[in-house]
N, C-alpha and C. Protein backbone atom coordinates (compact mmCIF):
# COMPACT_ATOMS: atom_id res chain seq x y z
N MET A 1 -20.06 -16.46 -4.41
CA MET A 1 -19.50 -15.14 -4.20
C MET A 1 -19.70 -14.29 -5.45
N ASP A 2 -19.89 -13.00 -5.24
CA ASP A 2 -20.02 -12.10 -6.38
C ASP A 2 -18.64 -11.60 -6.80
N SER A 3 -18.60 -10.69 -7.77
CA SER A 3 -17.34 -10.20 -8.32
C SER A 3 -16.51 -9.44 -7.29
N LYS A 4 -17.11 -8.97 -6.21
CA LYS A 4 -16.38 -8.23 -5.17
C LYS A 4 -15.93 -9.15 -4.04
N GLY A 5 -16.14 -10.46 -4.21
CA GLY A 5 -15.71 -11.40 -3.19
C GLY A 5 -16.64 -11.49 -2.00
N ILE A 6 -17.86 -11.00 -2.16
CA ILE A 6 -18.83 -11.05 -1.06
C ILE A 6 -19.69 -12.29 -1.23
N LYS A 7 -19.75 -13.08 -0.18
CA LYS A 7 -20.52 -14.31 -0.24
C LYS A 7 -22.00 -13.97 -0.31
N LYS A 8 -22.66 -14.55 -1.31
CA LYS A 8 -24.09 -14.30 -1.45
C LYS A 8 -24.86 -15.20 -0.48
N PRO A 9 -26.01 -14.73 0.00
CA PRO A 9 -26.81 -15.57 0.89
C PRO A 9 -27.32 -16.79 0.14
N ALA A 10 -27.72 -17.80 0.90
CA ALA A 10 -28.27 -19.00 0.30
C ALA A 10 -29.46 -18.64 -0.58
N ASN A 11 -29.67 -19.44 -1.59
CA ASN A 11 -30.78 -19.22 -2.51
C ASN A 11 -32.09 -19.29 -1.73
N CYS A 12 -32.89 -18.26 -1.84
CA CYS A 12 -34.13 -18.19 -1.07
C CYS A 12 -35.17 -19.19 -1.53
N SER A 13 -35.04 -19.70 -2.74
CA SER A 13 -36.05 -20.64 -3.22
C SER A 13 -35.83 -22.03 -2.64
N LYS A 14 -34.63 -22.29 -2.11
CA LYS A 14 -34.35 -23.59 -1.51
C LYS A 14 -34.91 -23.63 -0.09
N SER A 15 -35.21 -24.80 0.35
CA SER A 15 -35.68 -24.98 1.72
C SER A 15 -34.47 -24.92 2.64
N THR A 16 -34.42 -23.90 3.49
CA THR A 16 -33.31 -23.74 4.44
C THR A 16 -33.87 -23.52 5.82
N SER A 17 -32.98 -23.34 6.77
CA SER A 17 -33.44 -23.07 8.14
C SER A 17 -34.00 -21.66 8.25
N LEU A 18 -33.66 -20.78 7.29
CA LEU A 18 -34.20 -19.42 7.31
C LEU A 18 -35.54 -19.39 6.59
N SER A 19 -36.42 -18.57 7.10
CA SER A 19 -37.70 -18.43 6.40
C SER A 19 -37.48 -17.62 5.12
N GLN A 20 -38.42 -17.70 4.22
CA GLN A 20 -38.36 -16.97 2.96
C GLN A 20 -38.21 -15.47 3.22
N ARG A 21 -38.95 -14.94 4.16
CA ARG A 21 -38.91 -13.52 4.46
C ARG A 21 -37.54 -13.11 5.03
N GLU A 22 -37.00 -13.93 5.93
CA GLU A 22 -35.69 -13.64 6.49
C GLU A 22 -34.62 -13.62 5.40
N CYS A 23 -34.72 -14.57 4.51
CA CYS A 23 -33.76 -14.66 3.42
C CYS A 23 -33.84 -13.43 2.52
N GLU A 24 -35.04 -13.03 2.17
CA GLU A 24 -35.23 -11.84 1.34
C GLU A 24 -34.73 -10.59 2.05
N ASN A 25 -34.97 -10.50 3.36
CA ASN A 25 -34.49 -9.35 4.14
C ASN A 25 -32.96 -9.31 4.14
N LEU A 26 -32.34 -10.46 4.31
CA LEU A 26 -30.87 -10.51 4.29
C LEU A 26 -30.32 -10.12 2.93
N GLN A 27 -30.98 -10.56 1.86
CA GLN A 27 -30.53 -10.18 0.52
C GLN A 27 -30.66 -8.67 0.31
N ALA A 28 -31.75 -8.10 0.78
CA ALA A 28 -31.95 -6.65 0.66
C ALA A 28 -30.90 -5.90 1.48
N MET A 29 -30.59 -6.40 2.67
CA MET A 29 -29.55 -5.77 3.50
C MET A 29 -28.20 -5.85 2.81
N ALA A 30 -27.90 -6.98 2.18
CA ALA A 30 -26.63 -7.14 1.49
C ALA A 30 -26.50 -6.13 0.35
N VAL A 31 -27.56 -5.94 -0.39
CA VAL A 31 -27.55 -4.96 -1.48
C VAL A 31 -27.35 -3.56 -0.91
N GLY A 32 -28.07 -3.23 0.15
CA GLY A 32 -27.93 -1.92 0.78
C GLY A 32 -26.52 -1.69 1.32
N LEU A 33 -25.93 -2.72 1.91
CA LEU A 33 -24.58 -2.59 2.45
C LEU A 33 -23.55 -2.41 1.34
N ARG A 34 -23.74 -3.13 0.24
CA ARG A 34 -22.83 -2.95 -0.90
C ARG A 34 -22.91 -1.53 -1.44
N THR A 35 -24.12 -1.00 -1.53
CA THR A 35 -24.31 0.37 -2.01
C THR A 35 -23.65 1.36 -1.06
N GLU A 36 -23.88 1.19 0.22
CA GLU A 36 -23.29 2.08 1.23
C GLU A 36 -21.77 1.99 1.19
N TRP A 37 -21.23 0.78 1.06
CA TRP A 37 -19.79 0.58 0.99
C TRP A 37 -19.21 1.33 -0.21
N SER A 38 -19.88 1.24 -1.35
CA SER A 38 -19.41 1.94 -2.56
C SER A 38 -19.40 3.45 -2.35
N LYS A 39 -20.44 3.96 -1.72
CA LYS A 39 -20.51 5.40 -1.45
C LYS A 39 -19.40 5.83 -0.50
N LEU A 40 -19.18 5.05 0.55
CA LEU A 40 -18.13 5.37 1.52
C LEU A 40 -16.74 5.31 0.89
N LYS A 41 -16.53 4.34 0.02
CA LYS A 41 -15.24 4.22 -0.65
C LYS A 41 -15.01 5.43 -1.55
N ALA A 42 -16.04 5.85 -2.29
CA ALA A 42 -15.91 7.03 -3.14
C ALA A 42 -15.63 8.28 -2.31
N GLU A 43 -16.32 8.41 -1.18
CA GLU A 43 -16.09 9.56 -0.30
C GLU A 43 -14.67 9.54 0.27
N MET A 44 -14.19 8.36 0.64
CA MET A 44 -12.83 8.23 1.17
C MET A 44 -11.80 8.61 0.09
N ASP A 45 -12.00 8.16 -1.13
CA ASP A 45 -11.10 8.52 -2.22
C ASP A 45 -11.08 10.03 -2.44
N ASN A 46 -12.25 10.65 -2.39
CA ASN A 46 -12.35 12.09 -2.54
C ASN A 46 -11.62 12.83 -1.42
N LEU A 47 -11.81 12.37 -0.19
CA LEU A 47 -11.13 12.99 0.96
C LEU A 47 -9.61 12.83 0.87
N LEU A 48 -9.15 11.68 0.39
CA LEU A 48 -7.70 11.48 0.23
C LEU A 48 -7.13 12.46 -0.79
N LYS A 49 -7.86 12.69 -1.88
CA LYS A 49 -7.40 13.65 -2.89
C LYS A 49 -7.35 15.07 -2.30
N LYS A 50 -8.40 15.43 -1.55
CA LYS A 50 -8.42 16.76 -0.92
C LYS A 50 -7.27 16.91 0.06
N CYS A 51 -7.00 15.86 0.81
CA CYS A 51 -5.92 15.89 1.79
C CYS A 51 -4.58 16.13 1.09
N GLU A 52 -4.35 15.47 -0.02
CA GLU A 52 -3.11 15.66 -0.77
C GLU A 52 -2.99 17.10 -1.27
N ARG A 53 -4.10 17.66 -1.76
CA ARG A 53 -4.08 19.05 -2.22
C ARG A 53 -3.74 20.01 -1.07
N VAL A 54 -4.33 19.77 0.10
CA VAL A 54 -4.07 20.62 1.26
C VAL A 54 -2.62 20.49 1.69
N LYS A 55 -2.09 19.27 1.69
CA LYS A 55 -0.68 19.08 2.04
C LYS A 55 0.22 19.85 1.08
N ASP A 56 -0.06 19.76 -0.21
CA ASP A 56 0.74 20.49 -1.20
C ASP A 56 0.63 21.99 -0.98
N GLU A 57 -0.58 22.44 -0.69
CA GLU A 57 -0.79 23.87 -0.45
C GLU A 57 -0.02 24.32 0.80
N ASN A 58 -0.07 23.52 1.85
CA ASN A 58 0.66 23.85 3.07
C ASN A 58 2.16 23.93 2.83
N LYS A 59 2.68 23.00 2.06
CA LYS A 59 4.11 23.02 1.73
C LYS A 59 4.45 24.31 0.99
N SER A 60 3.60 24.68 0.05
CA SER A 60 3.82 25.89 -0.74
C SER A 60 3.80 27.14 0.15
N ILE A 61 2.86 27.18 1.06
CA ILE A 61 2.74 28.33 1.96
C ILE A 61 3.96 28.42 2.87
N MET A 62 4.44 27.30 3.33
CA MET A 62 5.58 27.29 4.25
C MET A 62 6.88 27.64 3.54
N VAL A 63 7.03 27.32 2.29
CA VAL A 63 8.25 27.59 1.55
C VAL A 63 8.40 29.08 1.27
N HIS A 64 7.33 29.75 0.89
CA HIS A 64 7.39 31.17 0.54
C HIS A 64 7.87 32.07 1.68
N PRO A 65 7.35 31.94 2.89
CA PRO A 65 7.87 32.80 3.98
C PRO A 65 9.35 32.54 4.26
N LEU A 66 9.77 31.31 4.16
CA LEU A 66 11.17 31.01 4.42
C LEU A 66 12.07 31.65 3.36
N THR A 67 11.68 31.58 2.11
CA THR A 67 12.51 32.20 1.07
C THR A 67 12.52 33.72 1.21
N GLN A 68 11.42 34.29 1.65
CA GLN A 68 11.38 35.74 1.87
C GLN A 68 12.27 36.12 3.05
N LEU A 69 12.25 35.34 4.10
CA LEU A 69 13.10 35.60 5.25
C LEU A 69 14.57 35.51 4.87
N LEU A 70 14.90 34.51 4.11
CA LEU A 70 16.30 34.32 3.70
C LEU A 70 16.76 35.41 2.74
N SER A 71 15.85 35.94 1.95
CA SER A 71 16.23 36.98 0.99
C SER A 71 16.47 38.32 1.70
N TYR A 72 15.91 38.52 2.89
CA TYR A 72 16.12 39.76 3.63
C TYR A 72 17.46 39.76 4.38
N SER A 73 18.06 38.62 4.51
CA SER A 73 19.32 38.52 5.29
C SER A 73 20.46 39.23 4.64
């Protein structure tokens, strides 16, 4: 397993039931998937931050009209 807890494919230099080409393809797919996962995680973190900002902005917008309404009473 690597540092992210992802099981690495069997060593391609060993004789296994997978052909050398299949093993190399799986290793390349694993690298691509790890890269894609990292990008998606970064995008998700960014979206969560934006969502928090929008929530805060919405709260701010909703508070101001209420205080103005109450001040006119």
